[in-house]
Amino acid sequence: MVSGQGRYPLTKVDVFLNDQFVGSSNPPAVSGFLHAERHGPVNEYNTLKAVGYDAVFNKGEAVGTLRLQFR
């Protein structure tokens, strides 16, 4: 789940895995569409970035590390 705080409601979120575009969510409910194996090579530690846009096209982003354990 993605949420934002601001004067205007969050309307769209673009998601990137290791700088590769994964997809957009509109309305912003990101859960369920990230399948790492479909988006190029992944490592144990990966960069996950979400870029959010509000109703008047202001933009903000959050970047984090996604750790995957391979079995």
Protein backbone atom coordinates (compact mmCIF):
# COMPACT_ATOMS: atom_id res chain seq x y z
CA MET A 1 0.00 0.00 0.00
CA VAL A 2 1.25 3.44 -0.89
CA SER A 3 0.05 6.60 0.80
CA GLY A 4 0.95 10.24 0.67
CA GLN A 5 0.43 13.31 2.75
CA GLY A 6 -0.22 16.66 1.18
CA ARG A 7 -2.74 19.23 0.18
CA TYR A 8 -3.85 17.27 -2.89
CA PRO A 9 -4.66 13.54 -3.11
CA LEU A 10 -2.17 11.06 -4.49
CA THR A 11 -3.35 9.92 -7.93
CA LYS A 12 -0.55 7.87 -9.50
CA VAL A 13 2.58 5.98 -8.47
CA ASP A 14 5.34 4.78 -10.81
CA VAL A 15 7.52 1.95 -9.47
CA PHE A 16 11.12 1.20 -10.46
CA LEU A 17 13.29 -1.79 -9.54
CA ASN A 18 17.03 -1.18 -10.04
CA ASP A 19 16.17 1.83 -12.23
CA GLN A 20 13.97 -0.30 -14.51
CA PHE A 21 10.33 0.74 -14.83
CA VAL A 22 8.06 -1.90 -13.28
CA GLY A 23 4.66 -0.30 -13.71
CA SER A 24 2.20 2.37 -12.68
CA SER A 25 -0.65 2.21 -10.29
CA ASN A 26 -3.67 4.44 -10.61
CA PRO A 27 -5.21 4.70 -8.02
CA PRO A 28 -2.07 4.13 -5.97
CA ALA A 29 -2.40 0.59 -4.64
CA VAL A 30 0.96 -0.93 -5.49
CA SER A 31 0.69 -4.29 -3.75
CA GLY A 32 0.55 -7.36 -5.93
CA PHE A 33 2.16 -6.30 -9.21
CA LEU A 34 5.87 -6.55 -8.41
CA HIS A 35 7.29 -9.77 -9.82
CA ALA A 36 11.06 -9.24 -9.57
CA GLU A 37 11.95 -12.05 -11.95
CA ARG A 38 10.06 -10.32 -14.78
CA HIS A 39 12.10 -7.13 -14.56
CA GLY A 40 15.62 -8.12 -15.43
CA PRO A 41 18.37 -9.41 -13.22
CA VAL A 42 17.90 -9.01 -9.49
CA ASN A 43 20.41 -9.33 -6.68
CA GLU A 44 20.16 -10.00 -3.00
CA TYR A 45 19.98 -6.21 -2.43
CA ASN A 46 18.00 -4.12 -4.93
CA THR A 47 16.87 -0.51 -5.20
CA LEU A 48 13.13 0.04 -5.12
CA LYS A 49 11.86 3.52 -6.01
CA ALA A 50 8.31 4.86 -5.95
CA VAL A 51 7.52 8.17 -7.66
CA GLY A 52 4.16 9.61 -6.65
CA TYR A 53 2.09 12.29 -8.36
CA ASP A 54 -0.78 14.24 -6.85
CA ALA A 55 -3.90 15.69 -8.46
CA VAL A 56 -2.05 18.83 -9.64
CA PHE A 57 1.04 16.92 -10.85
CA ASN A 58 3.35 17.67 -7.94
CA LYS A 59 5.91 14.87 -7.71
CA GLY A 60 7.68 13.18 -4.81
CA GLU A 61 9.73 10.03 -4.53
CA ALA A 62 10.87 7.49 -2.00
CA VAL A 63 13.82 5.13 -2.45
CA GLY A 64 14.60 2.07 -0.41
CA THR A 65 16.45 -1.21 -0.49
CA LEU A 66 14.60 -4.42 -1.25
CA ARG A 67 16.34 -7.54 0.02
CA LEU A 68 15.50 -10.81 -1.69
CA GLN A 69 16.46 -14.18 -0.28
CA PHE A 70 16.99 -16.88 -2.88
CA ARG A 71 16.37 -20.50 -1.96
